[in-house]
All heavy atoms as atom14 arrays in JSON, in Angstrom:
{
  "sequence": "MGDIPQPLKNLIGLEHINVIAGRLDMAVVKGLDILPNRSGLPIILSQ",
  "atom14_mask": [
    [1, 1, 1, 1, 1, 1, 1, 1, 0, 0, 0, 0, 0, 0],
    [1, 1, 1, 1, 0, 0, 0, 0, 0, 0, 0, 0, 0, 0],
    [1, 1, 1, 1, 1, 1, 1, 1, 0, 0, 0, 0, 0, 0],
    [1, 1, 1, 1, 1, 1, 1, 1, 0, 0, 0, 0, 0, 0],
    [1, 1, 1, 1, 1, 1, 1, 0, 0, 0, 0, 0, 0, 0],
    [1, 1, 1, 1, 1, 1, 1, 1, 1, 0, 0, 0, 0, 0],
    [1, 1, 1, 1, 1, 1, 1, 0, 0, 0, 0, 0, 0, 0],
    [1, 1, 1, 1, 1, 1, 1, 1, 0, 0, 0, 0, 0, 0],
    [1, 1, 1, 1, 1, 1, 1, 1, 1, 0, 0, 0, 0, 0],
    [1, 1, 1, 1, 1, 1, 1, 1, 0, 0, 0, 0, 0, 0],
    [1, 1, 1, 1, 1, 1, 1, 1, 0, 0, 0, 0, 0, 0],
    [1, 1, 1, 1, 1, 1, 1, 1, 0, 0, 0, 0, 0, 0],
    [1, 1, 1, 1, 0, 0, 0, 0, 0, 0, 0, 0, 0, 0],
    [1, 1, 1, 1, 1, 1, 1, 1, 0, 0, 0, 0, 0, 0],
    [1, 1, 1, 1, 1, 1, 1, 1, 1, 0, 0, 0, 0, 0],
    [1, 1, 1, 1, 1, 1, 1, 1, 1, 1, 0, 0, 0, 0],
    [1, 1, 1, 1, 1, 1, 1, 1, 0, 0, 0, 0, 0, 0],
    [1, 1, 1, 1, 1, 1, 1, 1, 0, 0, 0, 0, 0, 0],
    [1, 1, 1, 1, 1, 1, 1, 0, 0, 0, 0, 0, 0, 0],
    [1, 1, 1, 1, 1, 1, 1, 1, 0, 0, 0, 0, 0, 0],
    [1, 1, 1, 1, 1, 0, 0, 0, 0, 0, 0, 0, 0, 0],
    [1, 1, 1, 1, 0, 0, 0, 0, 0, 0, 0, 0, 0, 0],
    [1, 1, 1, 1, 1, 1, 1, 1, 1, 1, 1, 0, 0, 0],
    [1, 1, 1, 1, 1, 1, 1, 1, 0, 0, 0, 0, 0, 0],
    [1, 1, 1, 1, 1, 1, 1, 1, 0, 0, 0, 0, 0, 0],
    [1, 1, 1, 1, 1, 1, 1, 1, 0, 0, 0, 0, 0, 0],
    [1, 1, 1, 1, 1, 0, 0, 0, 0, 0, 0, 0, 0, 0],
    [1, 1, 1, 1, 1, 1, 1, 0, 0, 0, 0, 0, 0, 0],
    [1, 1, 1, 1, 1, 1, 1, 0, 0, 0, 0, 0, 0, 0],
    [1, 1, 1, 1, 1, 1, 1, 1, 1, 0, 0, 0, 0, 0],
    [1, 1, 1, 1, 0, 0, 0, 0, 0, 0, 0, 0, 0, 0],
    [1, 1, 1, 1, 1, 1, 1, 1, 0, 0, 0, 0, 0, 0],
    [1, 1, 1, 1, 1, 1, 1, 1, 0, 0, 0, 0, 0, 0],
    [1, 1, 1, 1, 1, 1, 1, 1, 0, 0, 0, 0, 0, 0],
    [1, 1, 1, 1, 1, 1, 1, 1, 0, 0, 0, 0, 0, 0],
    [1, 1, 1, 1, 1, 1, 1, 0, 0, 0, 0, 0, 0, 0],
    [1, 1, 1, 1, 1, 1, 1, 1, 0, 0, 0, 0, 0, 0],
    [1, 1, 1, 1, 1, 1, 1, 1, 1, 1, 1, 0, 0, 0],
    [1, 1, 1, 1, 1, 1, 0, 0, 0, 0, 0, 0, 0, 0],
    [1, 1, 1, 1, 0, 0, 0, 0, 0, 0, 0, 0, 0, 0],
    [1, 1, 1, 1, 1, 1, 1, 1, 0, 0, 0, 0, 0, 0],
    [1, 1, 1, 1, 1, 1, 1, 0, 0, 0, 0, 0, 0, 0],
    [1, 1, 1, 1, 1, 1, 1, 1, 0, 0, 0, 0, 0, 0],
    [1, 1, 1, 1, 1, 1, 1, 1, 0, 0, 0, 0, 0, 0],
    [1, 1, 1, 1, 1, 1, 1, 1, 0, 0, 0, 0, 0, 0],
    [1, 1, 1, 1, 1, 1, 0, 0, 0, 0, 0, 0, 0, 0],
    [1, 1, 1, 1, 1, 1, 1, 1, 1, 0, 0, 0, 0, 0]
  ],
  "atom14_positions": [
    [[0.78, -1.23, 0.03], [0.0, 0.05, -0.01], [0.82, 1.25, 0.01], [0.3, 2.38, -0.01], [-0.91, 0.03, 1.25], [-0.2, 0.04, 2.48], [-1.48, -0.09, 3.9], [-2.17, 1.54, 3.84], [0.0, 0.0, 0.0], [0.0, 0.0, 0.0], [0.0, 0.0, 0.0], [0.0, 0.0, 0.0], [0.0, 0.0, 0.0], [0.0, 0.0, 0.0]],
    [[2.15, 1.12, -0.04], [3.0, 2.33, -0.07], [3.23, 2.88, 1.39], [2.62, 2.5, 2.35], [0.0, 0.0, 0.0], [0.0, 0.0, 0.0], [0.0, 0.0, 0.0], [0.0, 0.0, 0.0], [0.0, 0.0, 0.0], [0.0, 0.0, 0.0], [0.0, 0.0, 0.0], [0.0, 0.0, 0.0], [0.0, 0.0, 0.0], [0.0, 0.0, 0.0]],
    [[4.16, 3.88, 1.44], [4.47, 4.46, 2.71], [3.66, 5.82, 2.71], [4.05, 6.81, 2.18], [6.05, 4.71, 2.78], [6.35, 5.37, 4.18], [5.53, 5.39, 5.07], [7.61, 5.78, 4.19], [0.0, 0.0, 0.0], [0.0, 0.0, 0.0], [0.0, 0.0, 0.0], [0.0, 0.0, 0.0], [0.0, 0.0, 0.0], [0.0, 0.0, 0.0]],
    [[2.56, 5.68, 3.45], [1.7, 7.01, 3.51], [2.17, 7.89, 4.7], [2.35, 7.41, 5.88], [0.26, 6.61, 3.71], [-0.26, 5.6, 2.68], [-0.65, 7.87, 3.87], [-1.59, 5.18, 2.81], [0.0, 0.0, 0.0], [0.0, 0.0, 0.0], [0.0, 0.0, 0.0], [0.0, 0.0, 0.0], [0.0, 0.0, 0.0], [0.0, 0.0, 0.0]],
    [[2.56, 9.07, 4.49], [3.08, 9.93, 5.46], [2.05, 10.2, 6.53], [0.79, 10.3, 6.18], [3.44, 11.22, 4.8], [2.69, 11.33, 3.51], [2.53, 9.81, 3.08], [0.0, 0.0, 0.0], [0.0, 0.0, 0.0], [0.0, 0.0, 0.0], [0.0, 0.0, 0.0], [0.0, 0.0, 0.0], [0.0, 0.0, 0.0], [0.0, 0.0, 0.0]],
    [[2.45, 10.46, 7.82], [1.5, 10.64, 8.87], [0.58, 11.86, 8.6], [-0.66, 11.65, 8.87], [2.29, 10.89, 10.18], [1.46, 10.79, 11.5], [0.65, 9.55, 11.6], [1.32, 8.43, 11.54], [-0.65, 9.53, 11.92], [0.0, 0.0, 0.0], [0.0, 0.0, 0.0], [0.0, 0.0, 0.0], [0.0, 0.0, 0.0], [0.0, 0.0, 0.0]],
    [[1.04, 12.98, 8.13], [0.01, 14.12, 8.01], [-1.09, 13.69, 6.88], [-2.18, 14.07, 7.09], [1.01, 15.17, 7.31], [2.32, 14.92, 7.85], [2.43, 13.41, 7.86], [0.0, 0.0, 0.0], [0.0, 0.0, 0.0], [0.0, 0.0, 0.0], [0.0, 0.0, 0.0], [0.0, 0.0, 0.0], [0.0, 0.0, 0.0], [0.0, 0.0, 0.0]],
    [[-0.71, 12.84, 5.85], [-1.74, 12.46, 4.96], [-2.73, 11.37, 5.66], [-3.93, 11.55, 5.4], [-1.15, 11.87, 3.76], [-2.18, 11.37, 2.66], [-3.08, 12.53, 2.23], [-1.43, 10.83, 1.43], [0.0, 0.0, 0.0], [0.0, 0.0, 0.0], [0.0, 0.0, 0.0], [0.0, 0.0, 0.0], [0.0, 0.0, 0.0], [0.0, 0.0, 0.0]],
    [[-2.21, 10.63, 6.44], [-3.04, 9.63, 7.21], [-4.12, 10.47, 8.1], [-5.19, 10.07, 8.24], [-2.19, 8.79, 8.16], [-1.37, 7.77, 7.4], [-0.63, 6.91, 8.46], [0.34, 5.92, 7.79], [1.13, 5.09, 8.65], [0.0, 0.0, 0.0], [0.0, 0.0, 0.0], [0.0, 0.0, 0.0], [0.0, 0.0, 0.0], [0.0, 0.0, 0.0]],
    [[-3.51, 11.56, 8.71], [-4.39, 12.41, 9.46], [-5.56, 12.98, 8.81], [-6.7, 13.15, 9.19], [-3.63, 13.56, 10.33], [-2.63, 12.9, 11.25], [-2.76, 11.85, 11.65], [-1.6, 13.78, 11.5], [0.0, 0.0, 0.0], [0.0, 0.0, 0.0], [0.0, 0.0, 0.0], [0.0, 0.0, 0.0], [0.0, 0.0, 0.0], [0.0, 0.0, 0.0]],
    [[-5.19, 13.42, 7.53], [-6.31, 13.97, 6.58], [-7.35, 12.88, 6.14], [-8.39, 13.25, 6.11], [-5.6, 14.63, 5.34], [-4.94, 15.9, 5.6], [-4.15, 16.35, 4.31], [-5.9, 17.02, 5.95], [0.0, 0.0, 0.0], [0.0, 0.0, 0.0], [0.0, 0.0, 0.0], [0.0, 0.0, 0.0], [0.0, 0.0, 0.0], [0.0, 0.0, 0.0]],
    [[-6.8, 11.68, 5.78], [-7.65, 10.67, 5.19], [-8.49, 10.08, 6.25], [-9.68, 9.77, 6.19], [-6.81, 9.59, 4.5], [-6.14, 10.12, 3.3], [-7.68, 8.39, 4.17], [-5.14, 9.18, 2.67], [0.0, 0.0, 0.0], [0.0, 0.0, 0.0], [0.0, 0.0, 0.0], [0.0, 0.0, 0.0], [0.0, 0.0, 0.0], [0.0, 0.0, 0.0]],
    [[-7.88, 9.91, 7.49], [-8.59, 9.26, 8.61], [-7.78, 8.02, 8.93], [-7.77, 7.08, 8.18], [0.0, 0.0, 0.0], [0.0, 0.0, 0.0], [0.0, 0.0, 0.0], [0.0, 0.0, 0.0], [0.0, 0.0, 0.0], [0.0, 0.0, 0.0], [0.0, 0.0, 0.0], [0.0, 0.0, 0.0], [0.0, 0.0, 0.0], [0.0, 0.0, 0.0]],
    [[-7.24, 7.98, 10.09], [-6.53, 6.75, 10.59], [-7.29, 5.56, 10.56], [-6.74, 4.44, 10.25], [-5.84, 7.04, 12.01], [-4.62, 7.94, 12.06], [-4.18, 8.18, 13.46], [-3.38, 7.37, 11.33], [0.0, 0.0, 0.0], [0.0, 0.0, 0.0], [0.0, 0.0, 0.0], [0.0, 0.0, 0.0], [0.0, 0.0, 0.0], [0.0, 0.0, 0.0]],
    [[-8.51, 5.58, 10.81], [-9.33, 4.39, 10.9], [-9.41, 3.62, 9.61], [-9.27, 2.36, 9.55], [-10.84, 4.72, 11.47], [-11.61, 5.55, 10.57], [-11.3, 7.02, 10.6], [-10.42, 7.43, 11.35], [-12.13, 7.82, 9.99], [0.0, 0.0, 0.0], [0.0, 0.0, 0.0], [0.0, 0.0, 0.0], [0.0, 0.0, 0.0], [0.0, 0.0, 0.0]],
    [[-9.47, 4.34, 8.51], [-9.52, 3.71, 7.21], [-8.24, 3.12, 6.76], [-8.15, 1.99, 6.32], [-9.97, 4.74, 6.14], [-11.26, 5.36, 6.42], [-12.38, 4.79, 6.47], [-11.58, 6.64, 6.63], [-13.4, 5.47, 6.72], [-12.93, 6.75, 6.77], [0.0, 0.0, 0.0], [0.0, 0.0, 0.0], [0.0, 0.0, 0.0], [0.0, 0.0, 0.0]],
    [[-7.09, 3.76, 7.08], [-5.72, 3.41, 6.83], [-5.41, 2.15, 7.6], [-4.9, 1.24, 7.15], [-4.63, 4.46, 7.07], [-4.93, 5.72, 6.16], [-3.3, 3.82, 6.9], [-4.87, 5.38, 4.74], [0.0, 0.0, 0.0], [0.0, 0.0, 0.0], [0.0, 0.0, 0.0], [0.0, 0.0, 0.0], [0.0, 0.0, 0.0], [0.0, 0.0, 0.0]],
    [[-5.81, 2.13, 9.07], [-5.44, 1.09, 9.86], [-6.24, -0.12, 9.47], [-5.68, -1.36, 9.78], [-5.73, 1.53, 11.29], [-4.76, 2.55, 11.83], [-3.77, 2.71, 11.28], [-5.18, 3.33, 12.85], [0.0, 0.0, 0.0], [0.0, 0.0, 0.0], [0.0, 0.0, 0.0], [0.0, 0.0, 0.0], [0.0, 0.0, 0.0], [0.0, 0.0, 0.0]],
    [[-7.5, -0.04, 9.01], [-8.21, -1.21, 8.66], [-7.52, -2.02, 7.46], [-7.22, -3.17, 7.46], [-9.62, -0.84, 8.18], [-10.31, -2.05, 7.47], [-10.51, -0.57, 9.43], [0.0, 0.0, 0.0], [0.0, 0.0, 0.0], [0.0, 0.0, 0.0], [0.0, 0.0, 0.0], [0.0, 0.0, 0.0], [0.0, 0.0, 0.0], [0.0, 0.0, 0.0]],
    [[-7.05, -1.26, 6.55], [-6.28, -1.8, 5.31], [-4.96, -2.34, 5.72], [-4.67, -3.5, 5.41], [-6.15, -0.82, 4.3], [-7.54, -0.27, 3.67], [-5.36, -1.33, 3.06], [-7.55, 0.96, 2.78], [0.0, 0.0, 0.0], [0.0, 0.0, 0.0], [0.0, 0.0, 0.0], [0.0, 0.0, 0.0], [0.0, 0.0, 0.0], [0.0, 0.0, 0.0]],
    [[-4.17, -1.58, 6.55], [-2.96, -2.04, 7.01], [-3.07, -3.31, 7.83], [-2.24, -4.22, 7.76], [-2.1, -0.92, 7.65], [0.0, 0.0, 0.0], [0.0, 0.0, 0.0], [0.0, 0.0, 0.0], [0.0, 0.0, 0.0], [0.0, 0.0, 0.0], [0.0, 0.0, 0.0], [0.0, 0.0, 0.0], [0.0, 0.0, 0.0], [0.0, 0.0, 0.0]],
    [[-4.0, -3.27, 8.72], [-4.12, -4.43, 9.64], [-4.52, -5.71, 8.88], [-3.99, -6.69, 9.19], [0.0, 0.0, 0.0], [0.0, 0.0, 0.0], [0.0, 0.0, 0.0], [0.0, 0.0, 0.0], [0.0, 0.0, 0.0], [0.0, 0.0, 0.0], [0.0, 0.0, 0.0], [0.0, 0.0, 0.0], [0.0, 0.0, 0.0], [0.0, 0.0, 0.0]],
    [[-5.42, -5.59, 7.81], [-5.62, -6.66, 6.98], [-4.41, -7.23, 6.24], [-4.26, -8.44, 6.14], [-6.7, -6.28, 6.06], [-7.49, -7.32, 5.22], [-8.42, -6.7, 4.19], [-9.41, -6.01, 4.89], [-10.0, -4.89, 4.48], [-9.57, -4.38, 3.39], [-11.08, -4.34, 5.09], [0.0, 0.0, 0.0], [0.0, 0.0, 0.0], [0.0, 0.0, 0.0]],
    [[-3.71, -6.35, 5.81], [-2.38, -6.77, 5.16], [-1.33, -7.42, 6.05], [-0.7, -8.36, 5.8], [-1.79, -5.48, 4.43], [-2.56, -5.07, 3.3], [-1.99, -3.64, 2.7], [-2.52, -5.99, 2.11], [0.0, 0.0, 0.0], [0.0, 0.0, 0.0], [0.0, 0.0, 0.0], [0.0, 0.0, 0.0], [0.0, 0.0, 0.0], [0.0, 0.0, 0.0]],
    [[-1.34, -6.76, 7.24], [-0.41, -7.39, 8.32], [-0.72, -8.81, 8.62], [0.15, -9.75, 8.72], [-0.44, -6.55, 9.69], [0.27, -5.31, 9.66], [1.17, -5.1, 8.77], [-0.08, -4.3, 10.44], [0.0, 0.0, 0.0], [0.0, 0.0, 0.0], [0.0, 0.0, 0.0], [0.0, 0.0, 0.0], [0.0, 0.0, 0.0], [0.0, 0.0, 0.0]],
    [[-2.1, -9.0, 8.83], [-2.52, -10.42, 9.0], [-2.11, -11.41, 7.91], [-1.77, -12.54, 8.19], [-3.98, -10.43, 9.26], [-4.48, -9.83, 10.65], [-6.11, -9.91, 10.96], [-6.37, -11.49, 11.28], [0.0, 0.0, 0.0], [0.0, 0.0, 0.0], [0.0, 0.0, 0.0], [0.0, 0.0, 0.0], [0.0, 0.0, 0.0], [0.0, 0.0, 0.0]],
    [[-2.4, -10.89, 6.63], [-1.93, -11.82, 5.52], [-0.39, -12.06, 5.61], [-0.04, -13.22, 5.26], [-2.41, -11.12, 4.21], [0.0, 0.0, 0.0], [0.0, 0.0, 0.0], [0.0, 0.0, 0.0], [0.0, 0.0, 0.0], [0.0, 0.0, 0.0], [0.0, 0.0, 0.0], [0.0, 0.0, 0.0], [0.0, 0.0, 0.0], [0.0, 0.0, 0.0]],
    [[0.41, -11.05, 5.75], [1.82, -11.18, 5.82], [2.25, -12.28, 6.8], [2.97, -13.2, 6.51], [2.52, -9.84, 6.02], [4.01, -10.02, 6.28], [2.28, -8.99, 4.82], [0.0, 0.0, 0.0], [0.0, 0.0, 0.0], [0.0, 0.0, 0.0], [0.0, 0.0, 0.0], [0.0, 0.0, 0.0], [0.0, 0.0, 0.0], [0.0, 0.0, 0.0]],
    [[1.79, -12.08, 8.03], [2.2, -13.0, 9.16], [1.73, -14.36, 8.88], [2.56, -15.31, 9.18], [1.73, -12.41, 10.48], [1.93, -13.45, 11.58], [2.43, -11.09, 10.82], [0.0, 0.0, 0.0], [0.0, 0.0, 0.0], [0.0, 0.0, 0.0], [0.0, 0.0, 0.0], [0.0, 0.0, 0.0], [0.0, 0.0, 0.0], [0.0, 0.0, 0.0]],
    [[0.53, -14.52, 8.48], [0.02, -15.9, 8.23], [0.66, -16.5, 6.89], [1.02, -17.74, 6.85], [-1.53, -15.9, 7.81], [-2.35, -15.51, 9.1], [-3.89, -15.44, 8.61], [-4.77, -15.19, 9.96], [-6.2, -15.1, 9.59], [0.0, 0.0, 0.0], [0.0, 0.0, 0.0], [0.0, 0.0, 0.0], [0.0, 0.0, 0.0], [0.0, 0.0, 0.0]],
    [[0.99, -15.67, 5.92], [1.63, -16.24, 4.77], [3.07, -16.62, 4.92], [3.41, -17.62, 4.43], [0.0, 0.0, 0.0], [0.0, 0.0, 0.0], [0.0, 0.0, 0.0], [0.0, 0.0, 0.0], [0.0, 0.0, 0.0], [0.0, 0.0, 0.0], [0.0, 0.0, 0.0], [0.0, 0.0, 0.0], [0.0, 0.0, 0.0], [0.0, 0.0, 0.0]],
    [[3.81, -15.92, 5.84], [5.22, -16.29, 6.07], [5.35, -17.37, 7.06], [6.35, -17.99, 7.16], [5.95, -14.91, 6.63], [6.05, -13.85, 5.57], [6.85, -12.7, 6.17], [6.77, -14.28, 4.27], [0.0, 0.0, 0.0], [0.0, 0.0, 0.0], [0.0, 0.0, 0.0], [0.0, 0.0, 0.0], [0.0, 0.0, 0.0], [0.0, 0.0, 0.0]],
    [[4.23, -17.55, 7.97], [4.12, -18.67, 8.92], [5.44, -18.87, 9.65], [5.96, -19.94, 9.72], [3.88, -19.96, 8.07], [3.5, -21.19, 8.89], [2.89, -20.86, 10.03], [3.76, -22.3, 8.5], [0.0, 0.0, 0.0], [0.0, 0.0, 0.0], [0.0, 0.0, 0.0], [0.0, 0.0, 0.0], [0.0, 0.0, 0.0], [0.0, 0.0, 0.0]],
    [[5.84, -17.77, 10.4], [7.05, -17.83, 11.16], [6.75, -18.56, 12.52], [7.66, -19.23, 12.95], [7.54, -16.34, 11.5], [7.85, -15.72, 9.98], [8.61, -16.31, 12.32], [8.07, -14.23, 10.12], [0.0, 0.0, 0.0], [0.0, 0.0, 0.0], [0.0, 0.0, 0.0], [0.0, 0.0, 0.0], [0.0, 0.0, 0.0], [0.0, 0.0, 0.0]],
    [[5.63, -18.17, 13.1], [5.3, -18.77, 14.5], [3.92, -19.43, 14.44], [3.02, -18.91, 13.7], [5.4, -17.8, 15.52], [6.82, -17.39, 16.04], [6.62, -16.23, 17.02], [7.45, -18.55, 16.73], [0.0, 0.0, 0.0], [0.0, 0.0, 0.0], [0.0, 0.0, 0.0], [0.0, 0.0, 0.0], [0.0, 0.0, 0.0], [0.0, 0.0, 0.0]],
    [[3.57, -20.45, 15.19], [2.3, -20.92, 15.25], [1.38, -20.05, 15.93], [1.82, -19.02, 16.67], [2.38, -22.24, 16.0], [3.62, -22.05, 16.95], [4.6, -21.23, 15.99], [0.0, 0.0, 0.0], [0.0, 0.0, 0.0], [0.0, 0.0, 0.0], [0.0, 0.0, 0.0], [0.0, 0.0, 0.0], [0.0, 0.0, 0.0], [0.0, 0.0, 0.0]],
    [[0.09, -20.1, 15.67], [-0.87, -19.28, 16.33], [-0.98, -19.49, 17.85], [-0.78, -20.52, 18.35], [-2.34, -19.43, 15.8], [-2.38, -18.84, 14.44], [-1.55, -18.32, 13.97], [-3.61, -19.1, 13.86], [0.0, 0.0, 0.0], [0.0, 0.0, 0.0], [0.0, 0.0, 0.0], [0.0, 0.0, 0.0], [0.0, 0.0, 0.0], [0.0, 0.0, 0.0]],
    [[-1.19, -18.4, 18.58], [-1.46, -18.56, 20.07], [-2.85, -17.76, 20.32], [-2.97, -16.65, 19.99], [-0.46, -17.82, 20.81], [0.96, -18.55, 20.68], [2.07, -18.07, 21.68], [3.3, -18.56, 21.47], [4.4, -18.37, 22.16], [4.32, -17.54, 23.18], [5.57, -18.97, 21.94], [0.0, 0.0, 0.0], [0.0, 0.0, 0.0], [0.0, 0.0, 0.0]],
    [[-3.81, -18.63, 20.87], [-5.16, -18.07, 20.99], [-5.84, -17.47, 19.76], [-6.48, -16.46, 19.81], [-5.16, -16.98, 22.17], [-4.58, -17.56, 23.39], [0.0, 0.0, 0.0], [0.0, 0.0, 0.0], [0.0, 0.0, 0.0], [0.0, 0.0, 0.0], [0.0, 0.0, 0.0], [0.0, 0.0, 0.0], [0.0, 0.0, 0.0], [0.0, 0.0, 0.0]],
    [[-5.37, -18.09, 18.52], [-5.96, -17.54, 17.32], [-5.25, -16.35, 16.68], [-5.56, -16.02, 15.63], [0.0, 0.0, 0.0], [0.0, 0.0, 0.0], [0.0, 0.0, 0.0], [0.0, 0.0, 0.0], [0.0, 0.0, 0.0], [0.0, 0.0, 0.0], [0.0, 0.0, 0.0], [0.0, 0.0, 0.0], [0.0, 0.0, 0.0], [0.0, 0.0, 0.0]],
    [[-4.28, -15.76, 17.4], [-3.6, -14.65, 16.92], [-2.06, -14.8, 17.07], [-1.56, -15.15, 17.99], [-4.01, -13.44, 17.79], [-3.24, -12.1, 17.31], [-3.88, -11.67, 15.94], [-3.51, -10.94, 18.32], [0.0, 0.0, 0.0], [0.0, 0.0, 0.0], [0.0, 0.0, 0.0], [0.0, 0.0, 0.0], [0.0, 0.0, 0.0], [0.0, 0.0, 0.0]],
    [[-1.4, -14.77, 15.86], [0.07, -15.14, 15.91], [0.7, -14.09, 16.79], [0.43, -12.86, 16.72], [0.41, -14.86, 14.32], [-0.75, -15.11, 13.59], [-1.85, -14.62, 14.42], [0.0, 0.0, 0.0], [0.0, 0.0, 0.0], [0.0, 0.0, 0.0], [0.0, 0.0, 0.0], [0.0, 0.0, 0.0], [0.0, 0.0, 0.0], [0.0, 0.0, 0.0]],
    [[1.58, -14.47, 17.63], [2.32, -13.58, 18.53], [2.94, -12.43, 17.9], [3.04, -11.26, 18.46], [3.16, -14.35, 19.47], [3.58, -13.51, 20.7], [4.4, -15.02, 18.76], [4.32, -14.19, 21.82], [0.0, 0.0, 0.0], [0.0, 0.0, 0.0], [0.0, 0.0, 0.0], [0.0, 0.0, 0.0], [0.0, 0.0, 0.0], [0.0, 0.0, 0.0]],
    [[3.59, -12.7, 16.69], [4.33, -11.58, 16.02], [3.39, -10.49, 15.68], [3.66, -9.42, 15.68], [5.06, -12.22, 14.89], [6.26, -13.06, 15.32], [5.44, -11.12, 13.86], [7.15, -13.5, 14.21], [0.0, 0.0, 0.0], [0.0, 0.0, 0.0], [0.0, 0.0, 0.0], [0.0, 0.0, 0.0], [0.0, 0.0, 0.0], [0.0, 0.0, 0.0]],
    [[2.2, -10.93, 15.29], [1.14, -9.95, 14.93], [0.88, -8.98, 16.04], [0.72, -7.81, 16.0], [-0.08, -10.6, 14.42], [-1.19, -9.65, 13.73], [-0.61, -9.01, 12.52], [-2.41, -10.49, 13.29], [0.0, 0.0, 0.0], [0.0, 0.0, 0.0], [0.0, 0.0, 0.0], [0.0, 0.0, 0.0], [0.0, 0.0, 0.0], [0.0, 0.0, 0.0]],
    [[0.61, -9.66, 17.31], [0.26, -8.86, 18.43], [1.51, -7.96, 18.8], [1.18, -6.81, 19.33], [-0.06, -9.78, 19.65], [1.03, -10.53, 20.12], [0.0, 0.0, 0.0], [0.0, 0.0, 0.0], [0.0, 0.0, 0.0], [0.0, 0.0, 0.0], [0.0, 0.0, 0.0], [0.0, 0.0, 0.0], [0.0, 0.0, 0.0], [0.0, 0.0, 0.0]],
    [[2.7, -8.3, 18.52], [3.88, -7.56, 18.76], [3.92, -6.41, 17.81], [4.38, -5.18, 18.22], [5.12, -8.35, 18.84], [5.29, -9.39, 20.0], [6.45, -10.28, 19.79], [6.88, -10.5, 18.77], [6.81, -10.87, 20.93], [0.0, 0.0, 0.0], [0.0, 0.0, 0.0], [0.0, 0.0, 0.0], [0.0, 0.0, 0.0], [0.0, 0.0, 0.0]]
  ]
}
């Protein structure tokens, strides 16, 4: 999704950016399969 600068995030609305980024984070962590899930959430994602 590119590196969106913080001032632009503030203009667009952090909630929208964070939803997209969070969805991508989850795909990345699951796809790379570095650690097994703990309570349904990979520990790396929580970190």
